[in-house]
Amino acid sequence: MTQSAGEVALGGVVLAGALAFGIYTVQSTGFSLARDGYDLTASFRSIEGVSVGTDVRLGGVKVGTVTDIQLNPQTYRADTVVTVSDTVQIPDDSAIVIASEGLLGGNYVEISPGGSPFFFAEGDEILDTQGSVSLLSLLLKYVGGSNE
């Protein structure tokens, strides 16, 4: 009987450790079952380095995440859905850009706010977009001496 009690206790410790790890993972990734934001769409020529879950930032502060990316078969552009926090209102003349964290850093989505007194609503499309710039193509242009 003591061996069974020890096995049950060890199983409880392992289960508690797994539960703690799961809670930590959910909190550190920002995953939430409750939806606390509104969706905006944007169409990019290139979203290289961006995937579902990538940060959406405004002024360097995370205000949302990329929630969906689909290739539009008619335009051959990447149609993207971003979810922005309900506490942030984005002016309707704002731009959305794929930005880089640096030479070795990853990409993120940056919203450059406009000055309009009107704001985007759920499901609106941000028309002013700028896709990612390939570092390799920039280096090749520089090394090749291209004036373009």
N, C-alpha and C. Protein backbone atom coordinates (compact mmCIF):
# COMPACT_ATOMS: atom_id res chain seq x y z
N MET A 1 0.82 -1.19 0.00
CA MET A 1 0.00 0.00 0.00
C MET A 1 0.86 1.25 0.00
N THR A 2 1.99 1.24 0.67
CA THR A 2 2.86 2.42 0.71
C THR A 2 3.47 2.71 -0.64
N GLN A 3 3.73 1.67 -1.41
CA GLN A 3 4.27 1.89 -2.75
C GLN A 3 3.22 2.58 -3.63
N SER A 4 1.97 2.19 -3.54
CA SER A 4 0.89 2.81 -4.31
C SER A 4 0.70 4.26 -3.90
N ALA A 5 0.78 4.55 -2.61
CA ALA A 5 0.63 5.93 -2.14
C ALA A 5 1.77 6.79 -2.66
N GLY A 6 2.98 6.23 -2.70
CA GLY A 6 4.13 6.97 -3.24
C GLY A 6 3.97 7.25 -4.72
N GLU A 7 3.44 6.27 -5.47
CA GLU A 7 3.22 6.45 -6.90
C GLU A 7 2.15 7.50 -7.16
N VAL A 8 1.11 7.50 -6.36
CA VAL A 8 0.04 8.49 -6.51
C VAL A 8 0.58 9.89 -6.20
N ALA A 9 1.40 9.99 -5.16
CA ALA A 9 1.98 11.29 -4.80
C ALA A 9 2.89 11.80 -5.92
N LEU A 10 3.73 10.91 -6.45
CA LEU A 10 4.61 11.29 -7.55
C LEU A 10 3.81 11.70 -8.78
N GLY A 11 2.75 10.97 -9.07
CA GLY A 11 1.88 11.33 -10.19
C GLY A 11 1.25 12.70 -9.99
N GLY A 12 0.85 13.01 -8.75
CA GLY A 12 0.29 14.33 -8.45
C GLY A 12 1.30 15.43 -8.66
N VAL A 13 2.56 15.19 -8.27
CA VAL A 13 3.62 16.19 -8.46
C VAL A 13 3.86 16.42 -9.95
N VAL A 14 3.91 15.34 -10.73
CA VAL A 14 4.12 15.46 -12.17
C VAL A 14 2.95 16.22 -12.81
N LEU A 15 1.73 15.90 -12.42
CA LEU A 15 0.55 16.59 -12.94
C LEU A 15 0.56 18.07 -12.57
N ALA A 16 0.94 18.40 -11.35
CA ALA A 16 1.02 19.80 -10.92
C ALA A 16 2.08 20.55 -11.72
N GLY A 17 3.22 19.89 -11.98
CA GLY A 17 4.27 20.50 -12.78
C GLY A 17 3.82 20.76 -14.21
N ALA A 18 3.11 19.81 -14.79
CA ALA A 18 2.59 19.99 -16.15
C ALA A 18 1.58 21.11 -16.21
N LEU A 19 0.71 21.20 -15.22
CA LEU A 19 -0.28 22.27 -15.16
C LEU A 19 0.40 23.63 -15.01
N ALA A 20 1.42 23.72 -14.15
CA ALA A 20 2.16 24.97 -13.98
C ALA A 20 2.85 25.38 -15.27
N PHE A 21 3.43 24.41 -15.98
CA PHE A 21 4.07 24.70 -17.26
C PHE A 21 3.06 25.21 -18.28
N GLY A 22 1.88 24.60 -18.32
CA GLY A 22 0.84 25.04 -19.24
C GLY A 22 0.37 26.45 -18.94
N ILE A 23 0.18 26.78 -17.68
CA ILE A 23 -0.24 28.13 -17.30
C ILE A 23 0.83 29.15 -17.67
N TYR A 24 2.09 28.81 -17.41
CA TYR A 24 3.19 29.71 -17.77
C TYR A 24 3.23 29.95 -19.28
N THR A 25 3.06 28.90 -20.06
CA THR A 25 3.09 29.01 -21.52
C THR A 25 1.97 29.93 -22.01
N VAL A 26 0.78 29.76 -21.50
CA VAL A 26 -0.35 30.58 -21.92
C VAL A 26 -0.11 32.04 -21.56
N GLN A 27 0.40 32.31 -20.37
CA GLN A 27 0.64 33.69 -19.94
C GLN A 27 1.78 34.34 -20.70
N SER A 28 2.85 33.60 -20.97
CA SER A 28 4.01 34.20 -21.63
C SER A 28 3.77 34.47 -23.11
N THR A 29 2.90 33.71 -23.74
CA THR A 29 2.62 33.94 -25.15
C THR A 29 1.50 34.93 -25.37
N GLY A 30 0.79 35.30 -24.33
CA GLY A 30 -0.31 36.24 -24.47
C GLY A 30 -1.56 35.61 -25.03
N PHE A 31 -1.60 34.30 -25.09
CA PHE A 31 -2.77 33.59 -25.62
C PHE A 31 -3.96 33.82 -24.69
N SER A 32 -5.11 34.04 -25.29
CA SER A 32 -6.30 34.27 -24.49
C SER A 32 -7.50 33.62 -25.18
N LEU A 33 -8.32 32.96 -24.40
CA LEU A 33 -9.54 32.37 -24.96
C LEU A 33 -10.59 33.44 -25.19
N ALA A 34 -10.58 34.48 -24.38
CA ALA A 34 -11.52 35.58 -24.55
C ALA A 34 -10.97 36.55 -25.59
N ARG A 35 -11.81 37.00 -26.47
CA ARG A 35 -11.40 37.93 -27.52
C ARG A 35 -11.59 39.34 -26.99
N ASP A 36 -10.49 40.08 -26.88
CA ASP A 36 -10.55 41.42 -26.33
C ASP A 36 -10.02 42.45 -27.31
N GLY A 37 -10.55 42.44 -28.52
CA GLY A 37 -10.09 43.37 -29.53
C GLY A 37 -11.02 43.37 -30.72
N TYR A 38 -10.65 44.17 -31.71
CA TYR A 38 -11.42 44.23 -32.95
C TYR A 38 -10.49 43.96 -34.13
N ASP A 39 -11.06 43.36 -35.16
CA ASP A 39 -10.28 42.96 -36.34
C ASP A 39 -10.22 44.07 -37.37
N LEU A 40 -9.03 44.24 -37.94
CA LEU A 40 -8.81 45.11 -39.09
C LEU A 40 -8.13 44.28 -40.16
N THR A 41 -8.37 44.60 -41.42
CA THR A 41 -7.73 43.87 -42.50
C THR A 41 -6.77 44.78 -43.26
N ALA A 42 -5.79 44.17 -43.90
CA ALA A 42 -4.83 44.89 -44.73
C ALA A 42 -4.30 43.93 -45.78
N SER A 43 -3.94 44.47 -46.94
CA SER A 43 -3.43 43.65 -48.02
C SER A 43 -2.01 44.10 -48.34
N PHE A 44 -1.05 43.17 -48.23
CA PHE A 44 0.36 43.48 -48.43
C PHE A 44 0.91 42.82 -49.68
N ARG A 45 1.88 43.48 -50.32
CA ARG A 45 2.58 42.90 -51.45
C ARG A 45 3.47 41.76 -50.97
N SER A 46 4.12 41.96 -49.81
CA SER A 46 5.00 40.94 -49.24
C SER A 46 4.94 41.04 -47.71
N ILE A 47 4.76 39.89 -47.06
CA ILE A 47 4.77 39.87 -45.60
C ILE A 47 5.85 38.92 -45.10
N GLU A 48 6.96 38.92 -45.79
CA GLU A 48 8.09 38.06 -45.43
C GLU A 48 8.48 38.30 -43.97
N GLY A 49 8.58 37.22 -43.21
CA GLY A 49 8.98 37.30 -41.82
C GLY A 49 7.84 37.50 -40.84
N VAL A 50 6.61 37.59 -41.35
CA VAL A 50 5.44 37.77 -40.49
C VAL A 50 4.59 36.51 -40.56
N SER A 51 4.09 36.09 -39.40
CA SER A 51 3.21 34.92 -39.35
C SER A 51 2.10 35.18 -38.34
N VAL A 52 1.17 34.25 -38.26
CA VAL A 52 0.08 34.38 -37.29
C VAL A 52 0.71 34.41 -35.89
N GLY A 53 0.31 35.39 -35.10
CA GLY A 53 0.86 35.56 -33.76
C GLY A 53 1.90 36.66 -33.67
N THR A 54 2.31 37.21 -34.80
CA THR A 54 3.29 38.30 -34.80
C THR A 54 2.69 39.53 -34.13
N ASP A 55 3.52 40.27 -33.40
CA ASP A 55 3.07 41.48 -32.72
C ASP A 55 2.64 42.57 -33.69
N VAL A 56 1.61 43.31 -33.29
CA VAL A 56 1.21 44.55 -33.96
C VAL A 56 1.52 45.66 -32.97
N ARG A 57 2.33 46.63 -33.39
CA ARG A 57 2.79 47.68 -32.47
C ARG A 57 2.37 49.06 -32.96
N LEU A 58 2.19 49.93 -32.00
CA LEU A 58 1.88 51.35 -32.26
C LEU A 58 2.79 52.13 -31.35
N GLY A 59 3.70 52.92 -31.92
CA GLY A 59 4.66 53.66 -31.11
C GLY A 59 5.58 52.75 -30.33
N GLY A 60 5.85 51.55 -30.83
CA GLY A 60 6.73 50.60 -30.16
C GLY A 60 6.06 49.77 -29.08
N VAL A 61 4.76 50.01 -28.84
CA VAL A 61 4.02 49.29 -27.81
C VAL A 61 3.11 48.27 -28.47
N LYS A 62 3.11 47.04 -27.97
CA LYS A 62 2.25 46.00 -28.54
C LYS A 62 0.79 46.35 -28.28
N VAL A 63 0.01 46.44 -29.37
CA VAL A 63 -1.42 46.74 -29.25
C VAL A 63 -2.29 45.65 -29.86
N GLY A 64 -1.66 44.61 -30.41
CA GLY A 64 -2.44 43.54 -31.02
C GLY A 64 -1.55 42.47 -31.61
N THR A 65 -2.19 41.57 -32.37
CA THR A 65 -1.47 40.47 -33.01
C THR A 65 -2.06 40.21 -34.40
N VAL A 66 -1.25 39.56 -35.22
CA VAL A 66 -1.71 39.09 -36.52
C VAL A 66 -2.49 37.79 -36.27
N THR A 67 -3.74 37.74 -36.74
CA THR A 67 -4.57 36.57 -36.45
C THR A 67 -4.86 35.70 -37.68
N ASP A 68 -4.63 36.23 -38.89
CA ASP A 68 -4.89 35.42 -40.08
C ASP A 68 -4.12 35.98 -41.26
N ILE A 69 -3.61 35.08 -42.10
CA ILE A 69 -2.92 35.46 -43.34
C ILE A 69 -3.40 34.52 -44.43
N GLN A 70 -3.87 35.09 -45.53
CA GLN A 70 -4.33 34.30 -46.68
C GLN A 70 -3.82 34.93 -47.96
N LEU A 71 -3.47 34.11 -48.94
CA LEU A 71 -3.10 34.62 -50.25
C LEU A 71 -4.37 34.87 -51.05
N ASN A 72 -4.50 36.08 -51.58
CA ASN A 72 -5.64 36.42 -52.41
C ASN A 72 -5.33 35.94 -53.83
N PRO A 73 -6.09 34.97 -54.36
CA PRO A 73 -5.77 34.40 -55.68
C PRO A 73 -6.01 35.37 -56.84
N GLN A 74 -6.80 36.40 -56.65
CA GLN A 74 -7.04 37.37 -57.72
C GLN A 74 -5.93 38.44 -57.79
N THR A 75 -5.47 38.91 -56.65
CA THR A 75 -4.49 40.00 -56.63
C THR A 75 -3.07 39.52 -56.34
N TYR A 76 -2.92 38.28 -55.89
CA TYR A 76 -1.63 37.71 -55.50
C TYR A 76 -0.97 38.53 -54.39
N ARG A 77 -1.79 39.06 -53.52
CA ARG A 77 -1.31 39.80 -52.36
C ARG A 77 -1.69 39.02 -51.11
N ALA A 78 -1.01 39.30 -50.02
CA ALA A 78 -1.27 38.63 -48.75
C ALA A 78 -2.32 39.42 -47.98
N ASP A 79 -3.53 38.87 -47.91
CA ASP A 79 -4.60 39.49 -47.13
C ASP A 79 -4.40 39.10 -45.67
N THR A 80 -4.30 40.09 -44.83
CA THR A 80 -3.94 39.88 -43.43
C THR A 80 -5.01 40.44 -42.51
N VAL A 81 -5.28 39.73 -41.42
CA VAL A 81 -6.20 40.20 -40.39
C VAL A 81 -5.39 40.43 -39.13
N VAL A 82 -5.51 41.63 -38.57
CA VAL A 82 -4.86 41.93 -37.29
C VAL A 82 -5.95 42.24 -36.26
N THR A 83 -5.74 41.78 -35.05
CA THR A 83 -6.66 42.08 -33.96
C THR A 83 -6.00 43.11 -33.07
N VAL A 84 -6.68 44.24 -32.89
CA VAL A 84 -6.16 45.35 -32.10
C VAL A 84 -6.98 45.45 -30.82
N SER A 85 -6.31 45.76 -29.73
CA SER A 85 -6.95 45.87 -28.43
C SER A 85 -8.09 46.89 -28.45
N ASP A 86 -9.17 46.56 -27.73
CA ASP A 86 -10.33 47.47 -27.66
C ASP A 86 -9.98 48.82 -27.05
N THR A 87 -8.92 48.87 -26.27
CA THR A 87 -8.54 50.11 -25.60
C THR A 87 -7.81 51.09 -26.52
N VAL A 88 -7.49 50.66 -27.75
CA VAL A 88 -6.74 51.49 -28.69
C VAL A 88 -7.62 51.84 -29.88
N GLN A 89 -7.77 53.12 -30.15
CA GLN A 89 -8.50 53.57 -31.33
C GLN A 89 -7.50 54.02 -32.37
N ILE A 90 -7.64 53.49 -33.58
CA ILE A 90 -6.71 53.79 -34.68
C ILE A 90 -7.39 54.77 -35.63
N PRO A 91 -6.78 55.96 -35.89
CA PRO A 91 -7.36 56.89 -36.86
C PRO A 91 -7.51 56.24 -38.23
N ASP A 92 -8.56 56.59 -38.95
CA ASP A 92 -8.86 55.90 -40.22
C ASP A 92 -7.98 56.31 -41.39
N ASP A 93 -7.00 57.18 -41.17
CA ASP A 93 -6.03 57.50 -42.22
C ASP A 93 -4.64 56.98 -41.87
N SER A 94 -4.59 56.00 -40.98
CA SER A 94 -3.32 55.42 -40.54
C SER A 94 -2.75 54.48 -41.59
N ALA A 95 -1.44 54.24 -41.48
CA ALA A 95 -0.75 53.31 -42.37
C ALA A 95 -0.30 52.11 -41.56
N ILE A 96 -0.13 50.98 -42.24
CA ILE A 96 0.36 49.77 -41.58
C ILE A 96 1.55 49.26 -42.39
N VAL A 97 2.65 48.96 -41.68
CA VAL A 97 3.93 48.68 -42.30
C VAL A 97 4.53 47.42 -41.67
N ILE A 98 5.21 46.63 -42.49
CA ILE A 98 6.00 45.52 -41.96
C ILE A 98 7.37 46.10 -41.64
N ALA A 99 7.74 46.07 -40.37
CA ALA A 99 9.00 46.66 -39.92
C ALA A 99 9.91 45.58 -39.38
N SER A 100 11.20 45.90 -39.27
CA SER A 100 12.19 44.96 -38.78
C SER A 100 12.73 45.44 -37.44
N GLU A 101 13.01 44.50 -36.55
CA GLU A 101 13.56 44.83 -35.24
C GLU A 101 15.06 45.12 -35.30
N GLY A 102 15.66 44.97 -36.44
CA GLY A 102 17.09 45.21 -36.59
C GLY A 102 17.67 44.25 -37.59
N LEU A 103 19.00 44.26 -37.68
CA LEU A 103 19.68 43.41 -38.66
C LEU A 103 19.41 41.93 -38.43
N LEU A 104 19.44 41.51 -37.18
CA LEU A 104 19.25 40.09 -36.87
C LEU A 104 17.90 39.81 -36.23
N GLY A 105 17.11 40.84 -35.98
CA GLY A 105 15.81 40.66 -35.34
C GLY A 105 14.74 40.24 -36.33
N GLY A 106 13.60 39.88 -35.80
CA GLY A 106 12.48 39.47 -36.63
C GLY A 106 11.67 40.66 -37.10
N ASN A 107 10.64 40.37 -37.84
CA ASN A 107 9.74 41.41 -38.33
C ASN A 107 8.52 41.51 -37.43
N TYR A 108 7.88 42.66 -37.47
CA TYR A 108 6.63 42.90 -36.76
C TYR A 108 5.80 43.85 -37.59
N VAL A 109 4.55 44.03 -37.21
CA VAL A 109 3.64 44.93 -37.93
C VAL A 109 3.54 46.22 -37.13
N GLU A 110 3.84 47.33 -37.79
CA GLU A 110 3.81 48.65 -37.15
C GLU A 110 2.66 49.47 -37.72
N ILE A 111 1.88 50.06 -36.85
CA ILE A 111 0.82 50.97 -37.29
C ILE A 111 1.33 52.39 -37.10
N SER A 112 1.32 53.17 -38.18
CA SER A 112 1.70 54.58 -38.11
C SER A 112 0.41 55.38 -38.10
N PRO A 113 0.08 55.99 -36.95
CA PRO A 113 -1.22 56.66 -36.84
C PRO A 113 -1.30 57.92 -37.68
N GLY A 114 -2.48 58.16 -38.21
CA GLY A 114 -2.75 59.38 -38.96
C GLY A 114 -3.31 60.44 -38.02
N GLY A 115 -3.88 61.48 -38.60
CA GLY A 115 -4.40 62.57 -37.79
C GLY A 115 -5.90 62.76 -37.91
N SER A 116 -6.59 61.79 -38.47
CA SER A 116 -8.02 61.91 -38.67
C SER A 116 -8.78 61.87 -37.33
N PRO A 117 -9.87 62.61 -37.24
CA PRO A 117 -10.68 62.53 -36.02
C PRO A 117 -11.61 61.31 -36.01
N PHE A 118 -11.62 60.55 -37.11
CA PHE A 118 -12.46 59.36 -37.21
C PHE A 118 -11.59 58.12 -37.07
N PHE A 119 -12.18 57.04 -36.55
CA PHE A 119 -11.42 55.85 -36.22
C PHE A 119 -11.93 54.63 -36.97
N PHE A 120 -11.01 53.64 -37.14
CA PHE A 120 -11.40 52.37 -37.75
C PHE A 120 -12.38 51.65 -36.83
N ALA A 121 -13.31 50.92 -37.45
CA ALA A 121 -14.26 50.09 -36.72
C ALA A 121 -13.98 48.62 -37.06
N GLU A 122 -14.62 47.74 -36.35
CA GLU A 122 -14.50 46.30 -36.57
C GLU A 122 -14.67 45.95 -38.06
N GLY A 123 -13.69 45.24 -38.62
CA GLY A 123 -13.78 44.77 -40.00
C GLY A 123 -13.31 45.73 -41.06
N ASP A 124 -12.94 46.97 -40.70
CA ASP A 124 -12.46 47.94 -41.69
C ASP A 124 -11.12 47.50 -42.27
N GLU A 125 -10.82 48.05 -43.46
CA GLU A 125 -9.56 47.73 -44.12
C GLU A 125 -8.63 48.93 -44.09
N ILE A 126 -7.38 48.67 -43.71
CA ILE A 126 -6.35 49.70 -43.77
C ILE A 126 -5.79 49.67 -45.18
N LEU A 127 -5.97 50.75 -45.93
CA LEU A 127 -5.59 50.78 -47.33
C LEU A 127 -4.12 51.16 -47.55
N ASP A 128 -3.56 51.97 -46.67
CA ASP A 128 -2.18 52.44 -46.80
C ASP A 128 -1.25 51.40 -46.19
N THR A 129 -0.67 50.53 -47.02
CA THR A 129 0.18 49.44 -46.55
C THR A 129 1.56 49.51 -47.18
N GLN A 130 2.53 48.97 -46.48
CA GLN A 130 3.88 48.83 -47.03
C GLN A 130 4.41 47.48 -46.59
N GLY A 131 4.72 46.65 -47.56
CA GLY A 131 5.20 45.30 -47.27
C GLY A 131 6.63 45.29 -46.78
N SER A 132 7.11 44.10 -46.47
CA SER A 132 8.47 43.97 -45.96
C SER A 132 9.48 44.15 -47.09
N VAL A 133 10.65 44.63 -46.69
CA VAL A 133 11.74 44.83 -47.63
C VAL A 133 12.77 43.74 -47.35
N SER A 134 13.16 43.05 -48.38
CA SER A 134 14.12 41.96 -48.23
C SER A 134 15.52 42.53 -48.02
N LEU A 135 16.15 42.15 -46.92
CA LEU A 135 17.50 42.61 -46.62
C LEU A 135 18.48 42.13 -47.67
N LEU A 136 18.28 40.92 -48.16
CA LEU A 136 19.17 40.37 -49.18
C LEU A 136 19.11 41.19 -50.46
N SER A 137 17.91 41.57 -50.90
CA SER A 137 17.81 42.37 -52.13
C SER A 137 18.42 43.76 -51.94
N LEU A 138 18.29 44.34 -50.75
CA LEU A 138 18.93 45.63 -50.48
C LEU A 138 20.45 45.52 -50.55
N LEU A 139 20.99 44.45 -49.96
CA LEU A 139 22.44 44.25 -49.99
C LEU A 139 22.92 44.02 -51.42
N LEU A 140 22.18 43.26 -52.19
CA LEU A 140 22.57 43.03 -53.58
C LEU A 140 22.55 44.31 -54.40
N LYS A 141 21.57 45.17 -54.16
CA LYS A 141 21.51 46.46 -54.85
C LYS A 141 22.70 47.33 -54.46
N TYR A 142 23.05 47.32 -53.18
CA TYR A 142 24.15 48.13 -52.70
C TYR A 142 25.48 47.63 -53.27
N VAL A 143 25.71 46.32 -53.20
CA VAL A 143 26.96 45.73 -53.70
C VAL A 143 27.04 45.86 -55.21
N GLY A 144 25.91 45.69 -55.89
CA GLY A 144 25.89 45.79 -57.35
C GLY A 144 25.97 47.21 -57.87
N GLY A 145 25.80 48.18 -57.00
CA GLY A 145 25.90 49.58 -57.41
C GLY A 145 24.67 50.05 -58.17
N SER A 146 23.52 49.42 -57.96
CA SER A 146 22.31 49.80 -58.66
C SER A 146 21.82 51.16 -58.18
N ASN A 147 21.40 52.00 -59.09
CA ASN A 147 20.91 53.34 -58.75
C ASN A 147 19.40 53.39 -58.63
N GLU A 148 18.74 52.25 -58.69
CA GLU A 148 17.26 52.21 -58.64
C GLU A 148 16.75 52.47 -57.28
